[in-house]
PDB file of N, CA and C in Angstrom:
ATOM      1  N   MET A   1      -1.882  14.968   8.235  1.00  0.00           N
ATOM      2  CA  MET A   1      -1.568  13.738   8.925  1.00  0.00           C
ATOM      3  C   MET A   1      -0.051  13.635   9.062  1.00  0.00           C
ATOM      4  N   SER A   2       0.399  13.361  10.263  1.00  0.00           N
ATOM      5  CA  SER A   2       1.842  13.289  10.500  1.00  0.00           C
ATOM      6  C   SER A   2       2.399  11.945  10.028  1.00  0.00           C
ATOM      7  N   ILE A   3       3.706  11.887   9.956  1.00  0.00           N
ATOM      8  CA  ILE A   3       4.374  10.659   9.516  1.00  0.00           C
ATOM      9  C   ILE A   3       4.089   9.533  10.509  1.00  0.00           C
ATOM     10  N   LYS A   4       4.064   9.853  11.790  1.00  0.00           N
ATOM     11  CA  LYS A   4       3.787   8.831  12.813  1.00  0.00           C
ATOM     12  C   LYS A   4       2.407   8.229  12.592  1.00  0.00           C
ATOM     13  N   ASP A   5       1.433   9.077  12.278  1.00  0.00           N
ATOM     14  CA  ASP A   5       0.083   8.575  12.023  1.00  0.00           C
ATOM     15  C   ASP A   5       0.047   7.676  10.797  1.00  0.00           C
ATOM     16  N   LYS A   6       0.776   8.049   9.753  1.00  0.00           N
ATOM     17  CA  LYS A   6       0.802   7.221   8.544  1.00  0.00           C
ATOM     18  C   LYS A   6       1.497   5.889   8.789  1.00  0.00           C
ATOM     19  N   LEU A   7       2.578   5.891   9.578  1.00  0.00           N
ATOM     20  CA  LEU A   7       3.310   4.660   9.840  1.00  0.00           C
ATOM     21  C   LEU A   7       2.542   3.708  10.746  1.00  0.00           C
ATOM     22  N   THR A   8       1.625   4.224  11.541  1.00  0.00           N
ATOM     23  CA  THR A   8       0.847   3.364  12.432  1.00  0.00           C
ATOM     24  C   THR A   8      -0.566   3.125  11.915  1.00  0.00           C
ATOM     25  N   SER A   9      -0.852   3.554  10.691  1.00  0.00           N
ATOM     26  CA  SER A   9      -2.190   3.334  10.152  1.00  0.00           C
ATOM     27  C   SER A   9      -2.380   1.866   9.777  1.00  0.00           C
ATOM     28  N   ARG A  10      -3.609   1.405   9.846  1.00  0.00           N
ATOM     29  CA  ARG A  10      -3.901   0.011   9.517  1.00  0.00           C
ATOM     30  C   ARG A  10      -3.591  -0.288   8.055  1.00  0.00           C
ATOM     31  N   LYS A  11      -3.871   0.678   7.173  1.00  0.00           N
ATOM     32  CA  LYS A  11      -3.578   0.462   5.747  1.00  0.00           C
ATOM     33  C   LYS A  11      -2.094   0.202   5.542  1.00  0.00           C
ATOM     34  N   PHE A  12      -1.261   0.995   6.190  1.00  0.00           N
ATOM     35  CA  PHE A  12       0.177   0.829   6.021  1.00  0.00           C
ATOM     36  C   PHE A  12       0.653  -0.485   6.619  1.00  0.00           C
ATOM     37  N   LEU A  13       0.176  -0.823   7.806  1.00  0.00           N
ATOM     38  CA  LEU A  13       0.624  -2.048   8.458  1.00  0.00           C
ATOM     39  C   LEU A  13       0.193  -3.289   7.675  1.00  0.00           C
ATOM     40  N   ILE A  14      -1.012  -3.280   7.132  1.00  0.00           N
ATOM     41  CA  ILE A  14      -1.464  -4.410   6.321  1.00  0.00           C
ATOM     42  C   ILE A  14      -0.650  -4.494   5.034  1.00  0.00           C
ATOM     43  N   SER A  15      -0.382  -3.337   4.428  1.00  0.00           N
ATOM     44  CA  SER A  15       0.427  -3.322   3.208  1.00  0.00           C
ATOM     45  C   SER A  15       1.840  -3.823   3.494  1.00  0.00           C
ATOM     46  N   LEU A  16       2.400  -3.427   4.614  1.00  0.00           N
ATOM     47  CA  LEU A  16       3.742  -3.883   4.990  1.00  0.00           C
ATOM     48  C   LEU A  16       3.760  -5.386   5.230  1.00  0.00           C
ATOM     49  N   ALA A  17       2.749  -5.898   5.921  1.00  0.00           N
ATOM     50  CA  ALA A  17       2.679  -7.344   6.166  1.00  0.00           C
ATOM     51  C   ALA A  17       2.545  -8.110   4.853  1.00  0.00           C
ATOM     52  N   THR A  18       1.728  -7.596   3.941  1.00  0.00           N
ATOM     53  CA  THR A  18       1.562  -8.233   2.638  1.00  0.00           C
ATOM     54  C   THR A  18       2.872  -8.208   1.853  1.00  0.00           C
ATOM     55  N   PHE A  19       3.538  -7.073   1.883  1.00  0.00           N
ATOM     56  CA  PHE A  19       4.817  -6.944   1.186  1.00  0.00           C
ATOM     57  C   PHE A  19       5.843  -7.938   1.728  1.00  0.00           C
ATOM     58  N   LEU A  20       5.946  -8.016   3.056  1.00  0.00           N
ATOM     59  CA  LEU A  20       6.921  -8.930   3.652  1.00  0.00           C
ATOM     60  C   LEU A  20       6.562 -10.393   3.369  1.00  0.00           C
ATOM     61  N   GLY A  21       5.265 -10.709   3.397  1.00  0.00           N
ATOM     62  CA  GLY A  21       4.847 -12.064   3.055  1.00  0.00           C
ATOM     63  C   GLY A  21       5.171 -12.405   1.609  1.00  0.00           C
ATOM     64  N   SER A  22       5.000 -11.448   0.731  1.00  0.00           N
ATOM     65  CA  SER A  22       5.309 -11.656  -0.679  1.00  0.00           C
ATOM     66  C   SER A  22       6.811 -11.850  -0.892  1.00  0.00           C
ATOM     67  N   ILE A  23       7.605 -11.080  -0.183  1.00  0.00           N
ATOM     68  CA  ILE A  23       9.060 -11.248  -0.270  1.00  0.00           C
ATOM     69  C   ILE A  23       9.453 -12.631   0.261  1.00  0.00           C
ATOM     70  N   GLY A  24       8.814 -13.056   1.354  1.00  0.00           N
ATOM     71  CA  GLY A  24       9.072 -14.394   1.880  1.00  0.00           C
ATOM     72  C   GLY A  24       8.718 -15.475   0.871  1.00  0.00           C
ATOM     73  N   THR A  25       7.605 -15.281   0.169  1.00  0.00           N
ATOM     74  CA  THR A  25       7.212 -16.234  -0.872  1.00  0.00           C
ATOM     75  C   THR A  25       8.250 -16.270  -1.982  1.00  0.00           C
ATOM     76  N   SER A  26       8.746 -15.102  -2.372  1.00  0.00           N
ATOM     77  CA  SER A  26       9.783 -15.054  -3.414  1.00  0.00           C
ATOM     78  C   SER A  26      11.038 -15.797  -2.984  1.00  0.00           C
ATOM     79  N   ILE A  27      11.437 -15.581  -1.752  1.00  0.00           N
ATOM     80  CA  ILE A  27      12.641 -16.247  -1.244  1.00  0.00           C
ATOM     81  C   ILE A  27      12.438 -17.763  -1.205  1.00  0.00           C
ATOM     82  N   ALA A  28      11.243 -18.196  -0.769  1.00  0.00           N
ATOM     83  CA  ALA A  28      10.945 -19.629  -0.745  1.00  0.00           C
ATOM     84  C   ALA A  28      10.976 -20.205  -2.156  1.00  0.00           C
ATOM     85  N   GLY A  29      10.437 -19.454  -3.120  1.00  0.00           N
ATOM     86  CA  GLY A  29      10.472 -19.910  -4.505  1.00  0.00           C
ATOM     87  C   GLY A  29      11.885 -20.022  -5.042  1.00  0.00           C
ATOM     88  N   LEU A  30      12.726 -19.065  -4.687  1.00  0.00           N
ATOM     89  CA  LEU A  30      14.120 -19.118  -5.135  1.00  0.00           C
ATOM     90  C   LEU A  30      14.873 -20.277  -4.488  1.00  0.00           C
ATOM     91  N   ASN A  31      14.611 -20.506  -3.195  1.00  0.00           N
ATOM     92  CA  ASN A  31      15.301 -21.601  -2.498  1.00  0.00           C
ATOM     93  C   ASN A  31      14.886 -22.971  -3.026  1.00  0.00           C
ATOM     94  N   SER A  32      13.648 -23.098  -3.467  1.00  0.00           N
ATOM     95  CA  SER A  32      13.169 -24.396  -3.964  1.00  0.00           C
ATOM     96  C   SER A  32      13.291 -24.506  -5.484  1.00  0.00           C
ATOM     97  N   ASN A  33      13.935 -23.529  -6.102  1.00  0.00           N
ATOM     98  CA  ASN A  33      14.108 -23.483  -7.554  1.00  0.00           C
ATOM     99  C   ASN A  33      12.776 -23.513  -8.309  1.00  0.00           C
ATOM    100  N   ASN A  34      11.763 -22.882  -7.726  1.00  0.00           N
ATOM    101  CA  ASN A  34      10.450 -22.797  -8.360  1.00  0.00           C
ATOM    102  C   ASN A  34      10.269 -21.358  -8.842  1.00  0.00           C
ATOM    103  N   ASP A  35      10.523 -21.148 -10.116  1.00  0.00           N
ATOM    104  CA  ASP A  35      10.471 -19.797 -10.670  1.00  0.00           C
ATOM    105  C   ASP A  35       9.062 -19.204 -10.642  1.00  0.00           C
ATOM    106  N   THR A  36       8.049 -20.044 -10.751  1.00  0.00           N
ATOM    107  CA  THR A  36       6.672 -19.552 -10.737  1.00  0.00           C
ATOM    108  C   THR A  36       6.333 -18.919  -9.397  1.00  0.00           C
ATOM    109  N   ILE A  37       6.673 -19.580  -8.310  1.00  0.00           N
ATOM    110  CA  ILE A  37       6.392 -19.042  -6.981  1.00  0.00           C
ATOM    111  C   ILE A  37       7.206 -17.770  -6.737  1.00  0.00           C
ATOM    112  N   ALA A  38       8.449 -17.753  -7.166  1.00  0.00           N
ATOM    113  CA  ALA A  38       9.284 -16.565  -7.007  1.00  0.00           C
ATOM    114  C   ALA A  38       8.686 -15.381  -7.762  1.00  0.00           C
ATOM    115  N   THR A  39       8.200 -15.633  -8.971  1.00  0.00           N
ATOM    116  CA  THR A  39       7.603 -14.563  -9.775  1.00  0.00           C
ATOM    117  C   THR A  39       6.311 -14.059  -9.149  1.00  0.00           C
ATOM    118  N   VAL A  40       5.474 -14.972  -8.672  1.00  0.00           N
ATOM    119  CA  VAL A  40       4.220 -14.569  -8.019  1.00  0.00           C
ATOM    120  C   VAL A  40       4.522 -13.716  -6.787  1.00  0.00           C
ATOM    121  N   GLY A  41       5.510 -14.092  -6.013  1.00  0.00           N
ATOM    122  CA  GLY A  41       5.881 -13.306  -4.833  1.00  0.00           C
ATOM    123  C   GLY A  41       6.330 -11.902  -5.189  1.00  0.00           C
ATOM    124  N   ILE A  42       7.124 -11.781  -6.239  1.00  0.00           N
ATOM    125  CA  ILE A  42       7.595 -10.454  -6.666  1.00  0.00           C
ATOM    126  C   ILE A  42       6.434  -9.598  -7.169  1.00  0.00           C
ATOM    127  N   VAL A  43       5.551 -10.202  -7.969  1.00  0.00           N
ATOM    128  CA  VAL A  43       4.402  -9.460  -8.493  1.00  0.00           C
ATOM    129  C   VAL A  43       3.499  -8.998  -7.355  1.00  0.00           C
ATOM    130  N   CYS A  44       3.252  -9.874  -6.388  1.00  0.00           N
ATOM    131  CA  CYS A  44       2.404  -9.491  -5.251  1.00  0.00           C
ATOM    132  C   CYS A  44       3.041  -8.390  -4.402  1.00  0.00           C
ATOM    133  N   ALA A  45       4.356  -8.417  -4.269  1.00  0.00           N
ATOM    134  CA  ALA A  45       5.043  -7.367  -3.518  1.00  0.00           C
ATOM    135  C   ALA A  45       4.862  -6.019  -4.204  1.00  0.00           C
ATOM    136  N   VAL A  46       5.015  -5.999  -5.514  1.00  0.00           N
ATOM    137  CA  VAL A  46       4.847  -4.753  -6.269  1.00  0.00           C
ATOM    138  C   VAL A  46       3.397  -4.287  -6.196  1.00  0.00           C
ATOM    139  N   LEU A  47       2.463  -5.217  -6.346  1.00  0.00           N
ATOM    140  CA  LEU A  47       1.045  -4.848  -6.290  1.00  0.00           C
ATOM    141  C   LEU A  47       0.640  -4.305  -4.923  1.00  0.00           C
ATOM    142  N   SER A  48       1.181  -4.874  -3.843  1.00  0.00           N
ATOM    143  CA  SER A  48       0.814  -4.377  -2.517  1.00  0.00           C
ATOM    144  C   SER A  48       1.273  -2.933  -2.335  1.00  0.00           C
ATOM    145  N   ALA A  49       2.451  -2.613  -2.843  1.00  0.00           N
ATOM    146  CA  ALA A  49       2.929  -1.230  -2.753  1.00  0.00           C
ATOM    147  C   ALA A  49       2.081  -0.302  -3.627  1.00  0.00           C
ATOM    148  N   ALA A  50       1.714  -0.775  -4.816  1.00  0.00           N
ATOM    149  CA  ALA A  50       0.905   0.045  -5.720  1.00  0.00           C
ATOM    150  C   ALA A  50      -0.500   0.273  -5.161  1.00  0.00           C
ATOM    151  N   ILE A  51      -1.081  -0.738  -4.573  1.00  0.00           N
ATOM    152  CA  ILE A  51      -2.422  -0.592  -3.993  1.00  0.00           C
ATOM    153  C   ILE A  51      -2.387   0.371  -2.817  1.00  0.00           C
ATOM    154  N   TYR A  52      -1.367   0.285  -1.975  1.00  0.00           N
ATOM    155  CA  TYR A  52      -1.245   1.218  -0.857  1.00  0.00           C
ATOM    156  C   TYR A  52      -1.109   2.656  -1.366  1.00  0.00           C
ATOM    157  N   ALA A  53      -0.271   2.854  -2.371  1.00  0.00           N
ATOM    158  CA  ALA A  53      -0.091   4.202  -2.924  1.00  0.00           C
ATOM    159  C   ALA A  53      -1.403   4.713  -3.525  1.00  0.00           C
ATOM    160  N   GLY A  54      -2.134   3.847  -4.205  1.00  0.00           N
ATOM    161  CA  GLY A  54      -3.418   4.244  -4.770  1.00  0.00           C
ATOM    162  C   GLY A  54      -4.427   4.613  -3.701  1.00  0.00           C
ATOM    163  N   CYS A  55      -4.463   3.846  -2.623  1.00  0.00           N
ATOM    164  CA  CYS A  55      -5.386   4.157  -1.516  1.00  0.00           C
ATOM    165  C   CYS A  55      -5.046   5.502  -0.885  1.00  0.00           C
ATOM    166  N   GLU A  56      -3.778   5.728  -0.655  1.00  0.00           N
ATOM    167  CA  GLU A  56      -3.369   7.013  -0.071  1.00  0.00           C
ATOM    168  C   GLU A  56      -3.699   8.177  -1.002  1.00  0.00           C
ATOM    169  N   ALA A  57      -3.495   7.992  -2.291  1.00  0.00           N
ATOM    170  CA  ALA A  57      -3.811   9.056  -3.250  1.00  0.00           C
ATOM    171  C   ALA A  57      -5.310   9.336  -3.258  1.00  0.00           C
ATOM    172  N   TYR A  58      -6.120   8.297  -3.202  1.00  0.00           N
ATOM    173  CA  TYR A  58      -7.577   8.464  -3.180  1.00  0.00           C
ATOM    174  C   TYR A  58      -8.017   9.216  -1.922  1.00  0.00           C
ATOM    175  N   ILE A  59      -7.460   8.847  -0.778  1.00  0.00           N
ATOM    176  CA  ILE A  59      -7.828   9.495   0.473  1.00  0.00           C
ATOM    177  C   ILE A  59      -7.374  10.947   0.489  1.00  0.00           C
ATOM    178  N   ASP A  60      -6.167  11.208  -0.011  1.00  0.00           N
ATOM    179  CA  ASP A  60      -5.680  12.583  -0.074  1.00  0.00           C
ATOM    180  C   ASP A  60      -6.536  13.432  -1.011  1.00  0.00           C
ATOM    181  N   ALA A  61      -6.945  12.866  -2.142  1.00  0.00           N
ATOM    182  CA  ALA A  61      -7.799  13.595  -3.084  1.00  0.00           C
ATOM    183  C   ALA A  61      -9.165  13.870  -2.461  1.00  0.00           C
ATOM    184  N   ALA A  62      -9.692  12.912  -1.724  1.00  0.00           N
ATOM    185  CA  ALA A  62     -10.976  13.107  -1.062  1.00  0.00           C
ATOM    186  C   ALA A  62     -10.869  14.190   0.014  1.00  0.00           C
ATOM    187  N   ALA A  63      -9.748  14.220   0.721  1.00  0.00           N
ATOM    188  CA  ALA A  63      -9.552  15.238   1.755  1.00  0.00           C
ATOM    189  C   ALA A  63      -9.475  16.627   1.138  1.00  0.00           C
ATOM    190  N   VAL A  64      -8.835  16.748  -0.011  1.00  0.00           N
ATOM    191  CA  VAL A  64      -8.763  18.037  -0.702  1.00  0.00           C
ATOM    192  C   VAL A  64     -10.157  18.450  -1.151  1.00  0.00           C
ATOM    193  N   GLY A  65     -10.928  17.498  -1.648  1.00  0.00           N
ATOM    194  CA  GLY A  65     -12.296  17.789  -2.074  1.00  0.00           C
ATOM    195  C   GLY A  65     -13.163  18.248  -0.928  1.00  0.00           C
ATOM    196  N   ILE A  66     -13.002  17.650   0.240  1.00  0.00           N
ATOM    197  CA  ILE A  66     -13.761  18.064   1.421  1.00  0.00           C
ATOM    198  C   ILE A  66     -13.364  19.476   1.816  1.00  0.00           C
ATOM    199  N   GLY A  67     -12.067  19.771   1.751  1.00  0.00           N
ATOM    200  CA  GLY A  67     -11.602  21.118   2.082  1.00  0.00           C
ATOM    201  C   GLY A  67     -12.149  22.154   1.124  1.00  0.00           C
ATOM    202  N   GLN A  68     -12.230  21.830  -0.156  1.00  0.00           N
ATOM    203  CA  GLN A  68     -12.764  22.763  -1.144  1.00  0.00           C
ATOM    204  C   GLN A  68     -14.259  22.957  -0.943  1.00  0.00           C
ATOM    205  N   ASN A  69     -14.977  21.888  -0.601  1.00  0.00           N
ATOM    206  CA  ASN A  69     -16.410  22.017  -0.356  1.00  0.00           C
ATOM    207  C   ASN A  69     -16.684  22.878   0.867  1.00  0.00           C
ATOM    208  N   ALA A  70     -15.859  22.764   1.878  1.00  0.00           N
ATOM    209  CA  ALA A  70     -16.032  23.582   3.085  1.00  0.00           C
ATOM    210  C   ALA A  70     -15.789  25.055   2.764  1.00  0.00           C
ATOM    211  N   GLU A  71     -14.805  25.343   1.910  1.00  0.00           N
ATOM    212  CA  GLU A  71     -14.529  26.730   1.535  1.00  0.00           C
ATOM    213  C   GLU A  71     -15.694  27.310   0.736  1.00  0.00           C
ATOM    214  N   ASN A  72     -16.314  26.523  -0.136  1.00  0.00           N
ATOM    215  CA  ASN A  72     -17.414  27.000  -0.955  1.00  0.00           C
ATOM    216  C   ASN A  72     -18.649  27.277  -0.134  1.00  0.00           C
ATOM    217  N   THR A  73     -18.878  26.558   0.935  1.00  0.00           N
ATOM    218  CA  THR A  73     -20.078  26.754   1.748  1.00  0.00           C
ATOM    219  C   THR A  73     -19.936  27.942   2.692  1.00  0.00           C
ATOM    220  N   GLU A  74     -18.705  28.375   2.966  1.00  0.00           N
ATOM    221  CA  GLU A  74     -18.493  29.503   3.866  1.00  0.00           C
ATOM    222  C   GLU A  74     -18.806  30.836   3.193  1.00  0.00           C
ATOM    223  N   GLU A  75     -18.808  30.899   1.897  1.00  0.00           N
ATOM    224  CA  GLU A  75     -18.994  32.162   1.200  1.00  0.00           C
ATOM    225  C   GLU A  75     -20.408  32.606   1.179  1.00  0.00           C
TER     226      GLU A  75
END
């Protein structure tokens, strides 16, 4: 999969939107002096990046497994 395909994938775009929304929440929390909202925004931003990385790792591992299964059936 090329970089262009990854950057235009729905998973990436949703993760990016979630990340930006979380950063916006953090900024709103900081501007209103609400530490709880700022902390929730930061945690959600980190989680959105971690979930995206986990999804990509799962898909890449599944693709490797499919490739190995195809090699085993050809023999």
